Amino acid sequence: MMNRFEGSSSREAKIRYLDGDFQIVLAGSHVVCAMTGKAIPVDELRYWSVARQEPYIDAAASLEAEKRAGALPNQRR
């Protein structure tokens, strides 16, 4: 049984990720984190990759994605 709030308002949004901003291509309530699979409400979306066009739930997931993609240079101190 679907409650009356489900439907278009509970679907996944399609978003184009830009530098410092994003553009909603198809309206929806959330996107799905590329690393954790957790839903991220669109109004709480703060982390994404422009290069990979992926959203992340938090800074830790974003950092892990960068590491996995080999996008971080070896840091020497």
PDB file of N, CA and C in Angstrom:
ATOM      1  N   MET A   1       0.846  -1.194   0.000  1.00  0.00           N
ATOM      2  CA  MET A   1       0.000   0.000   0.000  1.00  0.00           C
ATOM      3  C   MET A   1       0.887   1.251   0.000  1.00  0.00           C
ATOM      4  N   MET A   2       0.628   2.149  -0.906  1.00  0.00           N
ATOM      5  CA  MET A   2       1.412   3.379  -0.990  1.00  0.00           C
ATOM      6  C   MET A   2       0.736   4.472  -0.189  1.00  0.00           C
ATOM      7  N   ASN A   3       1.516   5.202   0.620  1.00  0.00           N
ATOM      8  CA  ASN A   3       0.863   6.318   1.289  1.00  0.00           C
ATOM      9  C   ASN A   3       0.757   7.482   0.328  1.00  0.00           C
ATOM     10  N   ARG A   4      -0.070   8.451   0.642  1.00  0.00           N
ATOM     11  CA  ARG A   4      -0.372   9.505  -0.319  1.00  0.00           C
ATOM     12  C   ARG A   4       0.782  10.455  -0.589  1.00  0.00           C
ATOM     13  N   PHE A   5       1.867  10.366   0.203  1.00  0.00           N
ATOM     14  CA  PHE A   5       3.010  11.249   0.001  1.00  0.00           C
ATOM     15  C   PHE A   5       4.051  10.623  -0.920  1.00  0.00           C
ATOM     16  N   GLU A   6       3.899   9.362  -1.270  1.00  0.00           N
ATOM     17  CA  GLU A   6       4.834   8.713  -2.172  1.00  0.00           C
ATOM     18  C   GLU A   6       4.495   9.078  -3.613  1.00  0.00           C
ATOM     19  N   GLY A   7       5.342   8.677  -4.525  1.00  0.00           N
ATOM     20  CA  GLY A   7       5.125   9.012  -5.929  1.00  0.00           C
ATOM     21  C   GLY A   7       6.227   9.920  -6.396  1.00  0.00           C
ATOM     22  N   SER A   8       5.863  10.983  -7.117  1.00  0.00           N
ATOM     23  CA  SER A   8       6.887  11.857  -7.688  1.00  0.00           C
ATOM     24  C   SER A   8       7.740  12.522  -6.612  1.00  0.00           C
ATOM     25  N   SER A   9       7.170  12.771  -5.442  1.00  0.00           N
ATOM     26  CA  SER A   9       7.935  13.451  -4.402  1.00  0.00           C
ATOM     27  C   SER A   9       8.941  12.527  -3.724  1.00  0.00           C
ATOM     28  N   SER A  10       8.800  11.222  -3.908  1.00  0.00           N
ATOM     29  CA  SER A  10       9.748  10.307  -3.267  1.00  0.00           C
ATOM     30  C   SER A  10      10.668   9.630  -4.275  1.00  0.00           C
ATOM     31  N   ARG A  11      10.668  10.128  -5.512  1.00  0.00           N
ATOM     32  CA  ARG A  11      11.537   9.509  -6.523  1.00  0.00           C
ATOM     33  C   ARG A  11      12.932  10.138  -6.479  1.00  0.00           C
ATOM     34  N   GLU A  12      13.862   9.431  -7.105  1.00  0.00           N
ATOM     35  CA  GLU A  12      15.231   9.908  -7.171  1.00  0.00           C
ATOM     36  C   GLU A  12      15.344  11.043  -8.183  1.00  0.00           C
ATOM     37  N   ALA A  13      15.985  12.120  -7.777  1.00  0.00           N
ATOM     38  CA  ALA A  13      16.219  13.247  -8.676  1.00  0.00           C
ATOM     39  C   ALA A  13      17.367  12.908  -9.622  1.00  0.00           C
ATOM     40  N   LYS A  14      17.344  13.495 -10.798  1.00  0.00           N
ATOM     41  CA  LYS A  14      18.472  13.396 -11.733  1.00  0.00           C
ATOM     42  C   LYS A  14      19.144  14.766 -11.726  1.00  0.00           C
ATOM     43  N   ILE A  15      20.437  14.765 -11.442  1.00  0.00           N
ATOM     44  CA  ILE A  15      21.154  16.022 -11.237  1.00  0.00           C
ATOM     45  C   ILE A  15      22.423  16.063 -12.068  1.00  0.00           C
ATOM     46  N   ARG A  16      22.723  17.243 -12.610  1.00  0.00           N
ATOM     47  CA  ARG A  16      24.007  17.483 -13.278  1.00  0.00           C
ATOM     48  C   ARG A  16      24.869  18.247 -12.285  1.00  0.00           C
ATOM     49  N   TYR A  17      26.009  17.676 -11.933  1.00  0.00           N
ATOM     50  CA  TYR A  17      26.884  18.252 -10.915  1.00  0.00           C
ATOM     51  C   TYR A  17      27.882  19.198 -11.556  1.00  0.00           C
ATOM     52  N   LEU A  18      27.919  20.424 -11.068  1.00  0.00           N
ATOM     53  CA  LEU A  18      28.780  21.475 -11.597  1.00  0.00           C
ATOM     54  C   LEU A  18      29.761  21.904 -10.509  1.00  0.00           C
ATOM     55  N   ASP A  19      30.715  22.753 -10.874  1.00  0.00           N
ATOM     56  CA  ASP A  19      31.650  23.293  -9.882  1.00  0.00           C
ATOM     57  C   ASP A  19      30.902  24.218  -8.928  1.00  0.00           C
ATOM     58  N   GLY A  20      30.796  23.808  -7.676  1.00  0.00           N
ATOM     59  CA  GLY A  20      30.186  24.653  -6.659  1.00  0.00           C
ATOM     60  C   GLY A  20      28.677  24.733  -6.700  1.00  0.00           C
ATOM     61  N   ASP A  21      28.040  24.018  -7.601  1.00  0.00           N
ATOM     62  CA  ASP A  21      26.589  24.064  -7.721  1.00  0.00           C
ATOM     63  C   ASP A  21      26.117  22.813  -8.459  1.00  0.00           C
ATOM     64  N   PHE A  22      24.821  22.638  -8.544  1.00  0.00           N
ATOM     65  CA  PHE A  22      24.271  21.546  -9.337  1.00  0.00           C
ATOM     66  C   PHE A  22      22.991  22.003  -9.992  1.00  0.00           C
ATOM     67  N   GLN A  23      22.630  21.306 -11.060  1.00  0.00           N
ATOM     68  CA  GLN A  23      21.438  21.629 -11.828  1.00  0.00           C
ATOM     69  C   GLN A  23      20.501  20.434 -11.790  1.00  0.00           C
ATOM     70  N   ILE A  24      19.269  20.663 -11.385  1.00  0.00           N
ATOM     71  CA  ILE A  24      18.293  19.577 -11.336  1.00  0.00           C
ATOM     72  C   ILE A  24      17.745  19.359 -12.747  1.00  0.00           C
ATOM     73  N   VAL A  25      17.981  18.154 -13.263  1.00  0.00           N
ATOM     74  CA  VAL A  25      17.538  17.790 -14.602  1.00  0.00           C
ATOM     75  C   VAL A  25      16.126  17.205 -14.533  1.00  0.00           C
ATOM     76  N   LEU A  26      15.884  16.383 -13.513  1.00  0.00           N
ATOM     77  CA  LEU A  26      14.576  15.785 -13.284  1.00  0.00           C
ATOM     78  C   LEU A  26      14.274  15.896 -11.798  1.00  0.00           C
ATOM     79  N   ALA A  27      13.215  16.576 -11.446  1.00  0.00           N
ATOM     80  CA  ALA A  27      12.879  16.816 -10.042  1.00  0.00           C
ATOM     81  C   ALA A  27      12.642  15.515  -9.288  1.00  0.00           C
ATOM     82  N   GLY A  28      13.033  15.513  -8.053  1.00  0.00           N
ATOM     83  CA  GLY A  28      12.837  14.374  -7.176  1.00  0.00           C
ATOM     84  C   GLY A  28      13.182  14.800  -5.765  1.00  0.00           C
ATOM     85  N   SER A  29      12.972  13.918  -4.816  1.00  0.00           N
ATOM     86  CA  SER A  29      13.196  14.272  -3.415  1.00  0.00           C
ATOM     87  C   SER A  29      14.622  14.012  -2.951  1.00  0.00           C
ATOM     88  N   HIS A  30      15.330  13.117  -3.661  1.00  0.00           N
ATOM     89  CA  HIS A  30      16.648  12.690  -3.171  1.00  0.00           C
ATOM     90  C   HIS A  30      17.529  12.186  -4.309  1.00  0.00           C
ATOM     91  N   VAL A  31      18.812  11.989  -3.975  1.00  0.00           N
ATOM     92  CA  VAL A  31      19.753  11.276  -4.826  1.00  0.00           C
ATOM     93  C   VAL A  31      20.352  10.174  -3.962  1.00  0.00           C
ATOM     94  N   VAL A  32      21.072   9.251  -4.574  1.00  0.00           N
ATOM     95  CA  VAL A  32      21.633   8.125  -3.833  1.00  0.00           C
ATOM     96  C   VAL A  32      23.156   8.237  -3.809  1.00  0.00           C
ATOM     97  N   CYS A  33      23.725   8.177  -2.612  1.00  0.00           N
ATOM     98  CA  CYS A  33      25.173   8.276  -2.438  1.00  0.00           C
ATOM     99  C   CYS A  33      25.874   7.170  -3.224  1.00  0.00           C
ATOM    100  N   ALA A  34      26.865   7.559  -4.034  1.00  0.00           N
ATOM    101  CA  ALA A  34      27.601   6.602  -4.866  1.00  0.00           C
ATOM    102  C   ALA A  34      28.451   5.639  -4.037  1.00  0.00           C
ATOM    103  N   MET A  35      28.783   6.018  -2.815  1.00  0.00           N
ATOM    104  CA  MET A  35      29.631   5.166  -1.985  1.00  0.00           C
ATOM    105  C   MET A  35      28.845   4.306  -1.005  1.00  0.00           C
ATOM    106  N   THR A  36      27.792   4.875  -0.397  1.00  0.00           N
ATOM    107  CA  THR A  36      27.075   4.157   0.669  1.00  0.00           C
ATOM    108  C   THR A  36      25.731   3.595   0.227  1.00  0.00           C
ATOM    109  N   GLY A  37      25.172   4.117  -0.868  1.00  0.00           N
ATOM    110  CA  GLY A  37      23.851   3.694  -1.302  1.00  0.00           C
ATOM    111  C   GLY A  37      22.719   4.317  -0.501  1.00  0.00           C
ATOM    112  N   LYS A  38      23.057   5.224   0.419  1.00  0.00           N
ATOM    113  CA  LYS A  38      22.028   5.880   1.235  1.00  0.00           C
ATOM    114  C   LYS A  38      21.407   7.043   0.477  1.00  0.00           C
ATOM    115  N   ALA A  39      20.123   7.277   0.754  1.00  0.00           N
ATOM    116  CA  ALA A  39      19.412   8.395   0.140  1.00  0.00           C
ATOM    117  C   ALA A  39      19.873   9.707   0.769  1.00  0.00           C
ATOM    118  N   ILE A  40      20.060  10.714  -0.081  1.00  0.00           N
ATOM    119  CA  ILE A  40      20.443  12.055   0.368  1.00  0.00           C
ATOM    120  C   ILE A  40      19.340  13.018  -0.093  1.00  0.00           C
ATOM    121  N   PRO A  41      18.624  13.640   0.839  1.00  0.00           N
ATOM    122  CA  PRO A  41      17.622  14.633   0.420  1.00  0.00           C
ATOM    123  C   PRO A  41      18.303  15.723  -0.422  1.00  0.00           C
ATOM    124  N   VAL A  42      17.677  16.124  -1.521  1.00  0.00           N
ATOM    125  CA  VAL A  42      18.279  17.098  -2.417  1.00  0.00           C
ATOM    126  C   VAL A  42      18.660  18.375  -1.665  1.00  0.00           C
ATOM    127  N   ASP A  43      17.826  18.805  -0.723  1.00  0.00           N
ATOM    128  CA  ASP A  43      18.137  20.050  -0.004  1.00  0.00           C
ATOM    129  C   ASP A  43      19.278  19.898   0.997  1.00  0.00           C
ATOM    130  N   GLU A  44      19.776  18.668   1.189  1.00  0.00           N
ATOM    131  CA  GLU A  44      20.916  18.439   2.078  1.00  0.00           C
ATOM    132  C   GLU A  44      22.179  18.029   1.306  1.00  0.00           C
ATOM    133  N   LEU A  45      22.105  18.029  -0.017  1.00  0.00           N
ATOM    134  CA  LEU A  45      23.232  17.617  -0.847  1.00  0.00           C
ATOM    135  C   LEU A  45      24.351  18.652  -0.782  1.00  0.00           C
ATOM    136  N   ARG A  46      25.529  18.239  -0.311  1.00  0.00           N
ATOM    137  CA  ARG A  46      26.665  19.153  -0.161  1.00  0.00           C
ATOM    138  C   ARG A  46      27.941  18.641  -0.829  1.00  0.00           C
ATOM    139  N   TYR A  47      28.005  17.345  -1.129  1.00  0.00           N
ATOM    140  CA  TYR A  47      29.232  16.745  -1.642  1.00  0.00           C
ATOM    141  C   TYR A  47      28.954  15.976  -2.926  1.00  0.00           C
ATOM    142  N   TRP A  48      29.798  16.229  -3.945  1.00  0.00           N
ATOM    143  CA  TRP A  48      29.666  15.499  -5.204  1.00  0.00           C
ATOM    144  C   TRP A  48      30.957  15.612  -5.990  1.00  0.00           C
ATOM    145  N   SER A  49      31.066  14.786  -7.032  1.00  0.00           N
ATOM    146  CA  SER A  49      32.200  14.838  -7.949  1.00  0.00           C
ATOM    147  C   SER A  49      31.708  15.324  -9.301  1.00  0.00           C
ATOM    148  N   VAL A  50      32.300  16.415  -9.770  1.00  0.00           N
ATOM    149  CA  VAL A  50      31.972  16.911 -11.106  1.00  0.00           C
ATOM    150  C   VAL A  50      32.490  15.924 -12.146  1.00  0.00           C
ATOM    151  N   ALA A  51      33.721  15.442 -11.950  1.00  0.00           N
ATOM    152  CA  ALA A  51      34.355  14.540 -12.921  1.00  0.00           C
ATOM    153  C   ALA A  51      33.579  13.234 -13.079  1.00  0.00           C
ATOM    154  N   ARG A  52      33.107  12.672 -11.973  1.00  0.00           N
ATOM    155  CA  ARG A  52      32.406  11.383 -12.029  1.00  0.00           C
ATOM    156  C   ARG A  52      30.892  11.530 -12.005  1.00  0.00           C
ATOM    157  N   GLN A  53      30.400  12.761 -11.799  1.00  0.00           N
ATOM    158  CA  GLN A  53      28.953  13.020 -11.736  1.00  0.00           C
ATOM    159  C   GLN A  53      28.289  12.102 -10.711  1.00  0.00           C
ATOM    160  N   GLU A  54      28.849  12.100  -9.485  1.00  0.00           N
ATOM    161  CA  GLU A  54      28.332  11.267  -8.393  1.00  0.00           C
ATOM    162  C   GLU A  54      28.099  12.114  -7.151  1.00  0.00           C
ATOM    163  N   PRO A  55      27.003  11.832  -6.429  1.00  0.00           N
ATOM    164  CA  PRO A  55      26.758  12.499  -5.148  1.00  0.00           C
ATOM    165  C   PRO A  55      27.293  11.660  -3.983  1.00  0.00           C
ATOM    166  N   TYR A  56      27.640  12.334  -2.888  1.00  0.00           N
ATOM    167  CA  TYR A  56      28.123  11.648  -1.679  1.00  0.00           C
ATOM    168  C   TYR A  56      27.393  12.189  -0.461  1.00  0.00           C
ATOM    169  N   ILE A  57      27.152  11.302   0.491  1.00  0.00           N
ATOM    170  CA  ILE A  57      26.383  11.671   1.668  1.00  0.00           C
ATOM    171  C   ILE A  57      27.148  12.594   2.615  1.00  0.00           C
ATOM    172  N   ASP A  58      28.485  12.467   2.646  1.00  0.00           N
ATOM    173  CA  ASP A  58      29.275  13.304   3.535  1.00  0.00           C
ATOM    174  C   ASP A  58      30.713  13.412   3.035  1.00  0.00           C
ATOM    175  N   ALA A  59      31.515  14.193   3.764  1.00  0.00           N
ATOM    176  CA  ALA A  59      32.903  14.417   3.351  1.00  0.00           C
ATOM    177  C   ALA A  59      33.700  13.118   3.341  1.00  0.00           C
ATOM    178  N   ALA A  60      33.435  12.239   4.297  1.00  0.00           N
ATOM    179  CA  ALA A  60      34.167  10.965   4.369  1.00  0.00           C
ATOM    180  C   ALA A  60      33.898  10.112   3.129  1.00  0.00           C
ATOM    181  N   ALA A  61      32.663  10.054   2.689  1.00  0.00           N
ATOM    182  CA  ALA A  61      32.319   9.282   1.485  1.00  0.00           C
ATOM    183  C   ALA A  61      32.958   9.916   0.255  1.00  0.00           C
ATOM    184  N   SER A  62      32.988  11.224   0.209  1.00  0.00           N
ATOM    185  CA  SER A  62      33.615  11.931  -0.907  1.00  0.00           C
ATOM    186  C   SER A  62      35.112  11.638  -0.961  1.00  0.00           C
ATOM    187  N   LEU A  63      35.766  11.695   0.188  1.00  0.00           N
ATOM    188  CA  LEU A  63      37.198  11.407   0.266  1.00  0.00           C
ATOM    189  C   LEU A  63      37.491   9.966  -0.143  1.00  0.00           C
ATOM    190  N   GLU A  64      36.676   9.040   0.315  1.00  0.00           N
ATOM    191  CA  GLU A  64      36.868   7.627  -0.027  1.00  0.00           C
ATOM    192  C   GLU A  64      36.720   7.418  -1.537  1.00  0.00           C
ATOM    193  N   ALA A  65      35.763   8.109  -2.148  1.00  0.00           N
ATOM    194  CA  ALA A  65      35.573   8.009  -3.605  1.00  0.00           C
ATOM    195  C   ALA A  65      36.791   8.551  -4.347  1.00  0.00           C
ATOM    196  N   GLU A  66      37.348   9.650  -3.856  1.00  0.00           N
ATOM    197  CA  GLU A  66      38.550  10.220  -4.468  1.00  0.00           C
ATOM    198  C   GLU A  66      39.712   9.236  -4.373  1.00  0.00           C
ATOM    199  N   LYS A  67      39.869   8.609  -3.221  1.00  0.00           N
ATOM    200  CA  LYS A  67      40.934   7.616  -3.036  1.00  0.00           C
ATOM    201  C   LYS A  67      40.735   6.435  -3.978  1.00  0.00           C
ATOM    202  N   ARG A  68      39.513   5.938  -4.041  1.00  0.00           N
ATOM    203  CA  ARG A  68      39.202   4.781  -4.870  1.00  0.00           C
ATOM    204  C   ARG A  68      39.455   5.081  -6.348  1.00  0.00           C
ATOM    205  N   ALA A  69      39.190   6.313  -6.753  1.00  0.00           N
ATOM    206  CA  ALA A  69      39.386   6.698  -8.152  1.00  0.00           C
ATOM    207  C   ALA A  69      40.839   7.033  -8.463  1.00  0.00           C
ATOM    208  N   GLY A  70      41.676   7.046  -7.421  1.00  0.00           N
ATOM    209  CA  GLY A  70      43.071   7.394  -7.623  1.00  0.00           C
ATOM    210  C   GLY A  70      43.254   8.861  -7.945  1.00  0.00           C
ATOM    211  N   ALA A  71      42.298   9.688  -7.512  1.00  0.00           N
ATOM    212  CA  ALA A  71      42.311  11.107  -7.856  1.00  0.00           C
ATOM    213  C   ALA A  71      43.176  11.944  -6.913  1.00  0.00           C
ATOM    214  N   LEU A  72      43.560  11.387  -5.789  1.00  0.00           N
ATOM    215  CA  LEU A  72      44.386  12.144  -4.853  1.00  0.00           C
ATOM    216  C   LEU A  72      45.866  11.832  -5.089  1.00  0.00           C
ATOM    217  N   PRO A  73      46.678  12.858  -5.226  1.00  0.00           N
ATOM    218  CA  PRO A  73      48.116  12.602  -5.385  1.00  0.00           C
ATOM    219  C   PRO A  73      48.705  12.097  -4.082  1.00  0.00           C
ATOM    220  N   ASN A  74      49.804  11.399  -4.171  1.00  0.00           N
ATOM    221  CA  ASN A  74      50.477  10.962  -2.951  1.00  0.00           C
ATOM    222  C   ASN A  74      50.964  12.200  -2.227  1.00  0.00           C
ATOM    223  N   GLN A  75      50.580  12.295  -0.965  1.00  0.00           N
ATOM    224  CA  GLN A  75      50.977  13.465  -0.200  1.00  0.00           C
ATOM    225  C   GLN A  75      52.248  13.150   0.588  1.00  0.00           C
ATOM    226  N   ARG A  76      53.209  14.039   0.478  1.00  0.00           N
ATOM    227  CA  ARG A  76      54.461  13.861   1.219  1.00  0.00           C
ATOM    228  C   ARG A  76      54.629  15.008   2.189  1.00  0.00           C
ATOM    229  N   ARG A  77      55.115  14.696   3.374  1.00  0.00           N
ATOM    230  CA  ARG A  77      55.347  15.745   4.374  1.00  0.00           C
ATOM    231  C   ARG A  77      56.746  15.599   4.900  1.00  0.00           C
TER     232      ARG A  77
END
